[in-house]
Amino acid sequence: MNWGSIIWQQFGAALDLLDDVIRACPDELWRDVVWDDPDGQAYGEFWFIVYHTLAWTDRYVSGIGKGFVPPAPFIAGALPDEPYTKDDLLTYLGQCRRQCRAMLEALDDEKAAQPYVFPWGGEMPFAELMLYTMRHAQEHAAQLSLHLGHKTGTAPDWVSRARSDAAQE
């Protein structure tokens, strides 16, 4: 039994729900404030929560602590001049999804036990970090889905297992 493949089925489902939520968001809600953020309104907007989810997924799945830089056109540590587009974030989601699946399906005991050191202190085994990251993605996908449900009266359906890669293209 390959535990990484099993974990992928659930991690992939969380990312697929996020994909569904992005696609279901009407343009007029892309900058909707989901919650008040103490760092500023934009940090609580729909688009930014999507970006935040993907950037942390990318950082943790890649195993990069200090020195993580998201791919262009994304920036770390500051807001862009304009919100990221759905297309940009869907492309980033696809990259994260492929990276996550490849990493989990190749996960062996040595990599699973490897400590991940957080840049701000503390550490956890890499396998636990993957479960932590999956929970983070699911949390935000669910929050955004709930927001859409309240605003539009409809929200994406539950995703029980990761969809095939062919369904993502």
N, C-alpha and C. Protein backbone atom coordinates (compact mmCIF):
# COMPACT_ATOMS: atom_id res chain seq x y z
N MET A 1 0.85 -1.18 0.00
CA MET A 1 0.00 0.00 0.00
C MET A 1 0.90 1.24 0.00
N ASN A 2 0.59 2.18 -0.88
CA ASN A 2 1.33 3.42 -0.96
C ASN A 2 0.53 4.51 -0.26
N TRP A 3 0.97 4.88 0.94
CA TRP A 3 0.25 5.89 1.73
C TRP A 3 0.21 7.23 1.02
N GLY A 4 1.28 7.56 0.29
CA GLY A 4 1.29 8.83 -0.43
C GLY A 4 0.18 8.91 -1.46
N SER A 5 -0.08 7.81 -2.16
CA SER A 5 -1.17 7.79 -3.15
C SER A 5 -2.53 7.95 -2.48
N ILE A 6 -2.67 7.33 -1.32
CA ILE A 6 -3.93 7.45 -0.57
C ILE A 6 -4.12 8.90 -0.10
N ILE A 7 -3.07 9.48 0.43
CA ILE A 7 -3.16 10.88 0.88
C ILE A 7 -3.44 11.79 -0.31
N TRP A 8 -2.83 11.48 -1.46
CA TRP A 8 -3.07 12.29 -2.65
C TRP A 8 -4.56 12.34 -2.99
N GLN A 9 -5.26 11.24 -2.88
CA GLN A 9 -6.68 11.23 -3.24
C GLN A 9 -7.47 12.28 -2.45
N GLN A 10 -7.12 12.47 -1.19
CA GLN A 10 -7.82 13.46 -0.37
C GLN A 10 -7.26 14.87 -0.54
N PHE A 11 -5.95 14.98 -0.65
CA PHE A 11 -5.33 16.29 -0.88
C PHE A 11 -5.81 16.81 -2.24
N GLY A 12 -5.81 15.94 -3.25
CA GLY A 12 -6.28 16.33 -4.57
C GLY A 12 -7.73 16.76 -4.56
N ALA A 13 -8.55 16.08 -3.75
CA ALA A 13 -9.97 16.46 -3.63
C ALA A 13 -10.09 17.87 -3.06
N ALA A 14 -9.26 18.20 -2.07
CA ALA A 14 -9.30 19.56 -1.50
C ALA A 14 -8.92 20.59 -2.56
N LEU A 15 -7.90 20.29 -3.35
CA LEU A 15 -7.49 21.22 -4.41
C LEU A 15 -8.54 21.29 -5.52
N ASP A 16 -9.19 20.16 -5.81
CA ASP A 16 -10.25 20.17 -6.81
C ASP A 16 -11.44 21.02 -6.36
N LEU A 17 -11.77 20.97 -5.08
CA LEU A 17 -12.84 21.82 -4.56
C LEU A 17 -12.44 23.29 -4.71
N LEU A 18 -11.19 23.61 -4.42
CA LEU A 18 -10.72 24.98 -4.59
C LEU A 18 -10.85 25.40 -6.05
N ASP A 19 -10.50 24.51 -6.96
CA ASP A 19 -10.66 24.77 -8.40
C ASP A 19 -12.13 25.06 -8.72
N ASP A 20 -13.02 24.24 -8.21
CA ASP A 20 -14.46 24.44 -8.45
C ASP A 20 -14.93 25.78 -7.91
N VAL A 21 -14.45 26.15 -6.75
CA VAL A 21 -14.84 27.41 -6.11
C VAL A 21 -14.36 28.60 -6.94
N ILE A 22 -13.13 28.53 -7.43
CA ILE A 22 -12.61 29.62 -8.26
C ILE A 22 -13.48 29.78 -9.50
N ARG A 23 -13.76 28.66 -10.16
CA ARG A 23 -14.55 28.69 -11.41
C ARG A 23 -15.99 29.15 -11.15
N ALA A 24 -16.53 28.85 -9.97
CA ALA A 24 -17.91 29.21 -9.66
C ALA A 24 -18.06 30.67 -9.22
N CYS A 25 -16.96 31.31 -8.89
CA CYS A 25 -17.05 32.69 -8.39
C CYS A 25 -17.39 33.65 -9.52
N PRO A 26 -18.54 34.33 -9.43
CA PRO A 26 -18.87 35.33 -10.44
C PRO A 26 -17.86 36.48 -10.39
N ASP A 27 -17.61 37.09 -11.52
CA ASP A 27 -16.63 38.17 -11.60
C ASP A 27 -16.93 39.26 -10.57
N GLU A 28 -18.21 39.53 -10.35
CA GLU A 28 -18.55 40.62 -9.42
C GLU A 28 -18.23 40.28 -7.95
N LEU A 29 -17.94 39.02 -7.66
CA LEU A 29 -17.57 38.63 -6.29
C LEU A 29 -16.08 38.38 -6.13
N TRP A 30 -15.30 38.52 -7.20
CA TRP A 30 -13.87 38.21 -7.14
C TRP A 30 -13.15 39.07 -6.10
N ARG A 31 -13.61 40.30 -5.92
CA ARG A 31 -13.00 41.20 -4.92
C ARG A 31 -13.89 41.36 -3.69
N ASP A 32 -14.85 40.48 -3.54
CA ASP A 32 -15.74 40.53 -2.38
C ASP A 32 -14.94 40.26 -1.10
N VAL A 33 -15.26 40.99 -0.06
CA VAL A 33 -14.60 40.80 1.22
C VAL A 33 -15.27 39.62 1.94
N VAL A 34 -14.50 38.59 2.18
CA VAL A 34 -15.00 37.39 2.85
C VAL A 34 -14.95 37.60 4.36
N TRP A 35 -13.92 38.28 4.83
CA TRP A 35 -13.81 38.64 6.24
C TRP A 35 -12.93 39.87 6.39
N ASP A 36 -13.08 40.55 7.50
CA ASP A 36 -12.25 41.71 7.81
C ASP A 36 -10.90 41.20 8.28
N ASP A 37 -9.85 41.66 7.62
CA ASP A 37 -8.50 41.24 7.99
C ASP A 37 -7.78 42.43 8.62
N PRO A 38 -7.11 42.22 9.73
CA PRO A 38 -6.44 43.34 10.40
C PRO A 38 -5.31 43.96 9.57
N ASP A 39 -4.79 43.23 8.57
CA ASP A 39 -3.73 43.76 7.72
C ASP A 39 -4.25 44.63 6.58
N GLY A 40 -5.57 44.63 6.38
CA GLY A 40 -6.14 45.44 5.32
C GLY A 40 -7.21 44.68 4.57
N GLN A 41 -8.12 45.43 3.95
CA GLN A 41 -9.28 44.85 3.29
C GLN A 41 -8.89 43.82 2.23
N ALA A 42 -7.89 44.12 1.40
CA ALA A 42 -7.54 43.22 0.29
C ALA A 42 -7.17 41.83 0.78
N TYR A 43 -6.61 41.73 1.99
CA TYR A 43 -6.20 40.42 2.52
C TYR A 43 -7.40 39.54 2.88
N GLY A 44 -8.57 40.12 2.93
CA GLY A 44 -9.78 39.35 3.21
C GLY A 44 -10.65 39.16 1.98
N GLU A 45 -10.16 39.60 0.81
CA GLU A 45 -10.94 39.47 -0.41
C GLU A 45 -10.83 38.06 -0.99
N PHE A 46 -11.85 37.67 -1.70
CA PHE A 46 -11.96 36.33 -2.27
C PHE A 46 -10.68 35.93 -3.01
N TRP A 47 -10.24 36.77 -3.96
CA TRP A 47 -9.07 36.44 -4.78
C TRP A 47 -7.82 36.23 -3.94
N PHE A 48 -7.66 37.05 -2.89
CA PHE A 48 -6.44 36.94 -2.09
C PHE A 48 -6.45 35.66 -1.26
N ILE A 49 -7.60 35.26 -0.78
CA ILE A 49 -7.67 34.02 -0.01
C ILE A 49 -7.29 32.84 -0.91
N VAL A 50 -7.70 32.88 -2.17
CA VAL A 50 -7.28 31.85 -3.12
C VAL A 50 -5.76 31.88 -3.26
N TYR A 51 -5.21 33.06 -3.50
CA TYR A 51 -3.75 33.18 -3.66
C TYR A 51 -3.01 32.70 -2.41
N HIS A 52 -3.46 33.15 -1.26
CA HIS A 52 -2.85 32.75 0.02
C HIS A 52 -2.81 31.23 0.14
N THR A 53 -3.92 30.58 -0.18
CA THR A 53 -4.00 29.12 -0.09
C THR A 53 -2.98 28.47 -1.01
N LEU A 54 -2.88 28.95 -2.23
CA LEU A 54 -1.97 28.35 -3.19
C LEU A 54 -0.51 28.62 -2.85
N ALA A 55 -0.19 29.83 -2.41
CA ALA A 55 1.20 30.15 -2.08
C ALA A 55 1.71 29.29 -0.93
N TRP A 56 0.87 29.08 0.09
CA TRP A 56 1.30 28.24 1.21
C TRP A 56 1.34 26.77 0.81
N THR A 57 0.44 26.36 -0.06
CA THR A 57 0.50 24.98 -0.56
C THR A 57 1.81 24.79 -1.32
N ASP A 58 2.13 25.70 -2.20
CA ASP A 58 3.36 25.63 -2.98
C ASP A 58 4.58 25.60 -2.07
N ARG A 59 4.62 26.50 -1.10
CA ARG A 59 5.77 26.57 -0.18
C ARG A 59 5.96 25.25 0.54
N TYR A 60 4.90 24.72 1.11
CA TYR A 60 5.04 23.51 1.92
C TYR A 60 5.26 22.26 1.10
N VAL A 61 4.56 22.11 -0.03
CA VAL A 61 4.75 20.93 -0.86
C VAL A 61 6.17 20.90 -1.44
N SER A 62 6.69 22.07 -1.77
CA SER A 62 8.05 22.13 -2.31
C SER A 62 9.09 21.88 -1.23
N GLY A 63 8.69 22.01 0.04
CA GLY A 63 9.63 21.79 1.14
C GLY A 63 10.56 22.96 1.39
N ILE A 64 10.28 24.10 0.75
CA ILE A 64 11.14 25.28 0.91
C ILE A 64 10.67 26.07 2.12
N GLY A 65 11.57 26.32 3.02
CA GLY A 65 11.27 27.16 4.18
C GLY A 65 11.68 28.59 3.87
N LYS A 66 12.82 28.98 4.40
CA LYS A 66 13.35 30.32 4.10
C LYS A 66 13.68 30.40 2.63
N GLY A 67 13.42 31.56 2.07
CA GLY A 67 13.79 31.80 0.68
C GLY A 67 12.74 31.39 -0.33
N PHE A 68 11.55 30.97 0.12
CA PHE A 68 10.51 30.61 -0.84
C PHE A 68 10.09 31.84 -1.63
N VAL A 69 9.99 31.67 -2.94
CA VAL A 69 9.51 32.72 -3.83
C VAL A 69 8.49 32.07 -4.77
N PRO A 70 7.27 32.60 -4.81
CA PRO A 70 6.27 32.03 -5.72
C PRO A 70 6.66 32.33 -7.17
N PRO A 71 6.12 31.56 -8.11
CA PRO A 71 6.45 31.81 -9.52
C PRO A 71 5.81 33.11 -10.01
N ALA A 72 6.41 33.70 -11.03
CA ALA A 72 5.85 34.90 -11.65
C ALA A 72 4.47 34.55 -12.20
N PRO A 73 3.53 35.43 -12.13
CA PRO A 73 3.59 36.85 -11.80
C PRO A 73 3.37 37.14 -10.32
N PHE A 74 3.39 36.12 -9.49
CA PHE A 74 3.05 36.28 -8.08
C PHE A 74 4.22 36.85 -7.29
N ILE A 75 3.89 37.59 -6.25
CA ILE A 75 4.90 38.18 -5.38
C ILE A 75 4.62 37.75 -3.95
N ALA A 76 5.67 37.71 -3.17
CA ALA A 76 5.54 37.34 -1.75
C ALA A 76 5.75 38.58 -0.89
N GLY A 77 5.01 38.64 0.19
CA GLY A 77 5.22 39.69 1.18
C GLY A 77 4.58 41.03 0.88
N ALA A 78 3.84 41.14 -0.21
CA ALA A 78 3.18 42.40 -0.55
C ALA A 78 2.00 42.10 -1.47
N LEU A 79 1.10 43.04 -1.53
CA LEU A 79 -0.03 42.91 -2.45
C LEU A 79 0.39 43.36 -3.84
N PRO A 80 -0.14 42.72 -4.88
CA PRO A 80 0.13 43.21 -6.23
C PRO A 80 -0.64 44.51 -6.48
N ASP A 81 -0.29 45.20 -7.54
CA ASP A 81 -1.00 46.44 -7.88
C ASP A 81 -2.47 46.17 -8.20
N GLU A 82 -2.73 45.04 -8.84
CA GLU A 82 -4.09 44.63 -9.19
C GLU A 82 -4.30 43.21 -8.69
N PRO A 83 -5.52 42.83 -8.34
CA PRO A 83 -5.77 41.44 -7.93
C PRO A 83 -5.35 40.46 -9.02
N TYR A 84 -4.89 39.30 -8.60
CA TYR A 84 -4.57 38.26 -9.57
C TYR A 84 -5.86 37.80 -10.24
N THR A 85 -5.75 37.41 -11.49
CA THR A 85 -6.93 36.98 -12.24
C THR A 85 -7.25 35.52 -11.94
N LYS A 86 -8.47 35.14 -12.28
CA LYS A 86 -8.86 33.74 -12.15
C LYS A 86 -7.93 32.85 -12.97
N ASP A 87 -7.65 33.27 -14.19
CA ASP A 87 -6.78 32.45 -15.05
C ASP A 87 -5.40 32.26 -14.44
N ASP A 88 -4.82 33.35 -13.90
CA ASP A 88 -3.50 33.23 -13.26
C ASP A 88 -3.56 32.25 -12.08
N LEU A 89 -4.61 32.36 -11.28
CA LEU A 89 -4.71 31.50 -10.10
C LEU A 89 -5.06 30.06 -10.48
N LEU A 90 -5.85 29.87 -11.53
CA LEU A 90 -6.12 28.50 -11.99
C LEU A 90 -4.86 27.85 -12.55
N THR A 91 -4.02 28.63 -13.22
CA THR A 91 -2.74 28.10 -13.70
C THR A 91 -1.85 27.71 -12.53
N TYR A 92 -1.79 28.57 -11.52
CA TYR A 92 -0.99 28.28 -10.33
C TYR A 92 -1.53 27.05 -9.61
N LEU A 93 -2.84 26.94 -9.52
CA LEU A 93 -3.46 25.77 -8.91
C LEU A 93 -3.05 24.50 -9.65
N GLY A 94 -3.06 24.54 -10.97
CA GLY A 94 -2.64 23.38 -11.76
C GLY A 94 -1.21 22.99 -11.47
N GLN A 95 -0.33 23.99 -11.34
CA GLN A 95 1.07 23.72 -11.02
C GLN A 95 1.20 23.08 -9.64
N CYS A 96 0.48 23.66 -8.67
CA CYS A 96 0.52 23.11 -7.30
C CYS A 96 -0.02 21.69 -7.28
N ARG A 97 -1.10 21.46 -8.00
CA ARG A 97 -1.73 20.15 -8.03
C ARG A 97 -0.78 19.09 -8.58
N ARG A 98 -0.14 19.39 -9.73
CA ARG A 98 0.80 18.44 -10.33
C ARG A 98 2.00 18.18 -9.42
N GLN A 99 2.52 19.24 -8.82
CA GLN A 99 3.66 19.12 -7.91
C GLN A 99 3.28 18.28 -6.69
N CYS A 100 2.13 18.53 -6.14
CA CYS A 100 1.66 17.82 -4.95
C CYS A 100 1.47 16.34 -5.25
N ARG A 101 0.82 16.04 -6.35
CA ARG A 101 0.58 14.63 -6.70
C ARG A 101 1.89 13.89 -6.90
N ALA A 102 2.80 14.47 -7.66
CA ALA A 102 4.09 13.82 -7.92
C ALA A 102 4.85 13.58 -6.62
N MET A 103 4.86 14.59 -5.75
CA MET A 103 5.59 14.46 -4.49
C MET A 103 4.96 13.38 -3.62
N LEU A 104 3.64 13.38 -3.47
CA LEU A 104 2.99 12.41 -2.60
C LEU A 104 3.10 10.98 -3.14
N GLU A 105 2.95 10.82 -4.43
CA GLU A 105 3.03 9.47 -4.99
C GLU A 105 4.44 8.90 -4.93
N ALA A 106 5.44 9.76 -4.80
CA ALA A 106 6.83 9.31 -4.66
C ALA A 106 7.29 9.30 -3.20
N LEU A 107 6.40 9.66 -2.28
CA LEU A 107 6.78 9.79 -0.87
C LEU A 107 7.23 8.44 -0.30
N ASP A 108 8.42 8.44 0.25
CA ASP A 108 8.92 7.23 0.92
C ASP A 108 9.11 7.53 2.40
N ASP A 109 9.44 6.51 3.16
CA ASP A 109 9.57 6.66 4.61
C ASP A 109 10.61 7.71 4.99
N GLU A 110 11.70 7.74 4.25
CA GLU A 110 12.77 8.70 4.57
C GLU A 110 12.28 10.14 4.40
N LYS A 111 11.64 10.42 3.26
CA LYS A 111 11.13 11.78 3.02
C LYS A 111 10.01 12.11 4.00
N ALA A 112 9.14 11.14 4.28
CA ALA A 112 8.02 11.37 5.21
C ALA A 112 8.51 11.77 6.59
N ALA A 113 9.63 11.21 7.02
CA ALA A 113 10.16 11.48 8.36
C ALA A 113 11.06 12.72 8.40
N GLN A 114 11.46 13.22 7.25
CA GLN A 114 12.36 14.37 7.18
C GLN A 114 11.72 15.57 7.87
N PRO A 115 12.45 16.21 8.79
CA PRO A 115 11.85 17.37 9.46
C PRO A 115 11.78 18.59 8.54
N TYR A 116 10.65 19.27 8.61
CA TYR A 116 10.48 20.55 7.93
C TYR A 116 10.62 21.61 9.01
N VAL A 117 11.54 22.54 8.81
CA VAL A 117 11.78 23.60 9.78
C VAL A 117 11.10 24.87 9.28
N PHE A 118 10.16 25.36 10.08
CA PHE A 118 9.47 26.60 9.73
C PHE A 118 10.42 27.78 9.88
N PRO A 119 10.37 28.74 8.94
CA PRO A 119 11.27 29.90 9.02
C PRO A 119 11.13 30.68 10.33
N TRP A 120 9.97 30.64 10.98
CA TRP A 120 9.73 31.39 12.21
C TRP A 120 9.96 30.54 13.46
N GLY A 121 10.43 29.31 13.26
CA GLY A 121 10.73 28.42 14.38
C GLY A 121 9.76 27.26 14.45
N GLY A 122 10.21 26.19 15.01
CA GLY A 122 9.41 24.97 15.12
C GLY A 122 9.61 24.08 13.91
N GLU A 123 9.20 22.84 14.04
CA GLU A 123 9.34 21.90 12.94
C GLU A 123 8.32 20.78 13.07
N MET A 124 8.13 20.03 11.99
CA MET A 124 7.30 18.83 12.01
C MET A 124 7.78 17.91 10.89
N PRO A 125 7.49 16.63 11.01
CA PRO A 125 7.87 15.71 9.93
C PRO A 125 7.14 16.10 8.64
N PHE A 126 7.79 15.85 7.50
CA PHE A 126 7.24 16.25 6.21
C PHE A 126 5.86 15.65 5.96
N ALA A 127 5.65 14.39 6.32
CA ALA A 127 4.34 13.76 6.11
C ALA A 127 3.26 14.50 6.90
N GLU A 128 3.55 14.90 8.11
CA GLU A 128 2.58 15.66 8.89
C GLU A 128 2.34 17.03 8.25
N LEU A 129 3.39 17.64 7.73
CA LEU A 129 3.26 18.93 7.04
C LEU A 129 2.29 18.80 5.86
N MET A 130 2.32 17.67 5.16
CA MET A 130 1.41 17.48 4.03
C MET A 130 -0.05 17.41 4.51
N LEU A 131 -0.30 16.74 5.63
CA LEU A 131 -1.66 16.69 6.19
C LEU A 131 -2.09 18.09 6.66
N TYR A 132 -1.18 18.80 7.29
CA TYR A 132 -1.43 20.18 7.73
C TYR A 132 -1.80 21.06 6.54
N THR A 133 -1.06 20.92 5.44
CA THR A 133 -1.29 21.72 4.24
C THR A 133 -2.61 21.34 3.59
N MET A 134 -2.94 20.06 3.58
CA MET A 134 -4.21 19.61 3.04
C MET A 134 -5.37 20.22 3.84
N ARG A 135 -5.25 20.23 5.16
CA ARG A 135 -6.29 20.82 6.00
C ARG A 135 -6.44 22.31 5.72
N HIS A 136 -5.31 22.99 5.50
CA HIS A 136 -5.32 24.43 5.20
C HIS A 136 -6.06 24.69 3.89
N ALA A 137 -5.76 23.91 2.86
CA ALA A 137 -6.42 24.09 1.57
C ALA A 137 -7.92 23.81 1.69
N GLN A 138 -8.27 22.76 2.41
CA GLN A 138 -9.68 22.41 2.58
C GLN A 138 -10.42 23.49 3.37
N GLU A 139 -9.77 24.02 4.40
CA GLU A 139 -10.40 25.06 5.21
C GLU A 139 -10.78 26.27 4.34
N HIS A 140 -9.84 26.75 3.54
CA HIS A 140 -10.13 27.94 2.74
C HIS A 140 -11.09 27.63 1.59
N ALA A 141 -10.98 26.46 0.99
CA ALA A 141 -11.94 26.10 -0.06
C ALA A 141 -13.36 26.08 0.52
N ALA A 142 -13.50 25.53 1.73
CA ALA A 142 -14.82 25.48 2.37
C ALA A 142 -15.32 26.88 2.73
N GLN A 143 -14.45 27.73 3.23
CA GLN A 143 -14.85 29.10 3.56
C GLN A 143 -15.35 29.84 2.31
N LEU A 144 -14.61 29.70 1.23
CA LEU A 144 -14.98 30.38 -0.01
C LEU A 144 -16.26 29.79 -0.60
N SER A 145 -16.42 28.48 -0.48
CA SER A 145 -17.65 27.83 -0.94
C SER A 145 -18.85 28.33 -0.13
N LEU A 146 -18.68 28.42 1.17
CA LEU A 146 -19.76 28.93 2.03
C LEU A 146 -20.10 30.37 1.65
N HIS A 147 -19.08 31.17 1.40
CA HIS A 147 -19.31 32.56 1.00
C HIS A 147 -20.12 32.63 -0.30
N LEU A 148 -19.73 31.80 -1.28
CA LEU A 148 -20.49 31.76 -2.53
C LEU A 148 -21.92 31.32 -2.29
N GLY A 149 -22.10 30.33 -1.44
CA GLY A 149 -23.45 29.87 -1.13
C GLY A 149 -24.31 30.96 -0.54
N HIS A 150 -23.73 31.74 0.37
CA HIS A 150 -24.49 32.85 0.96
C HIS A 150 -24.80 33.94 -0.06
N LYS A 151 -23.84 34.23 -0.93
CA LYS A 151 -24.00 35.34 -1.87
C LYS A 151 -24.81 34.98 -3.11
N THR A 152 -24.71 33.72 -3.58
CA THR A 152 -25.33 33.36 -4.86
C THR A 152 -26.45 32.33 -4.71
N GLY A 153 -26.54 31.71 -3.56
CA GLY A 153 -27.55 30.68 -3.36
C GLY A 153 -27.13 29.31 -3.86
N THR A 154 -25.91 29.21 -4.36
CA THR A 154 -25.40 27.92 -4.84
C THR A 154 -23.89 27.87 -4.59
N ALA A 155 -23.39 26.66 -4.45
CA ALA A 155 -21.96 26.47 -4.22
C ALA A 155 -21.56 25.12 -4.82
N PRO A 156 -20.28 24.96 -5.09
CA PRO A 156 -19.82 23.69 -5.66
C PRO A 156 -20.13 22.49 -4.76
N ASP A 157 -20.30 21.33 -5.40
CA ASP A 157 -20.54 20.09 -4.68
C ASP A 157 -19.27 19.59 -4.02
N TRP A 158 -19.46 18.72 -3.03
CA TRP A 158 -18.38 18.03 -2.34
C TRP A 158 -17.59 17.21 -3.35
N VAL A 159 -16.29 17.18 -3.19
CA VAL A 159 -15.41 16.35 -4.02
C VAL A 159 -14.86 15.26 -3.11
N SER A 160 -15.20 14.01 -3.38
CA SER A 160 -14.84 12.92 -2.46
C SER A 160 -13.42 12.39 -2.67
N ARG A 161 -12.95 12.41 -3.90
CA ARG A 161 -11.59 11.94 -4.22
C ARG A 161 -11.05 12.81 -5.35
N ALA A 162 -9.75 12.86 -5.47
CA ALA A 162 -9.12 13.66 -6.52
C ALA A 162 -9.63 13.22 -7.89
N ARG A 163 -9.91 14.19 -8.73
CA ARG A 163 -10.28 13.88 -10.10
C ARG A 163 -9.03 13.49 -10.88
N SER A 164 -9.22 12.81 -11.98
CA SER A 164 -8.09 12.43 -12.80
C SER A 164 -7.46 13.67 -13.40
N ASP A 165 -6.20 13.56 -13.79
CA ASP A 165 -5.52 14.70 -14.40
C ASP A 165 -6.20 15.13 -15.68
N ALA A 166 -6.77 14.19 -16.42
CA ALA A 166 -7.45 14.53 -17.67
C ALA A 166 -8.61 15.48 -17.42
N ALA A 167 -9.26 15.36 -16.26
CA ALA A 167 -10.38 16.24 -15.93
C ALA A 167 -9.92 17.66 -15.63
N GLN A 168 -8.64 17.84 -15.37
CA GLN A 168 -8.11 19.16 -15.01
C GLN A 168 -7.74 19.99 -16.23
N GLU A 169 -7.72 19.37 -17.40
CA GLU A 169 -7.23 20.08 -18.60
C GLU A 169 -8.37 20.56 -19.45
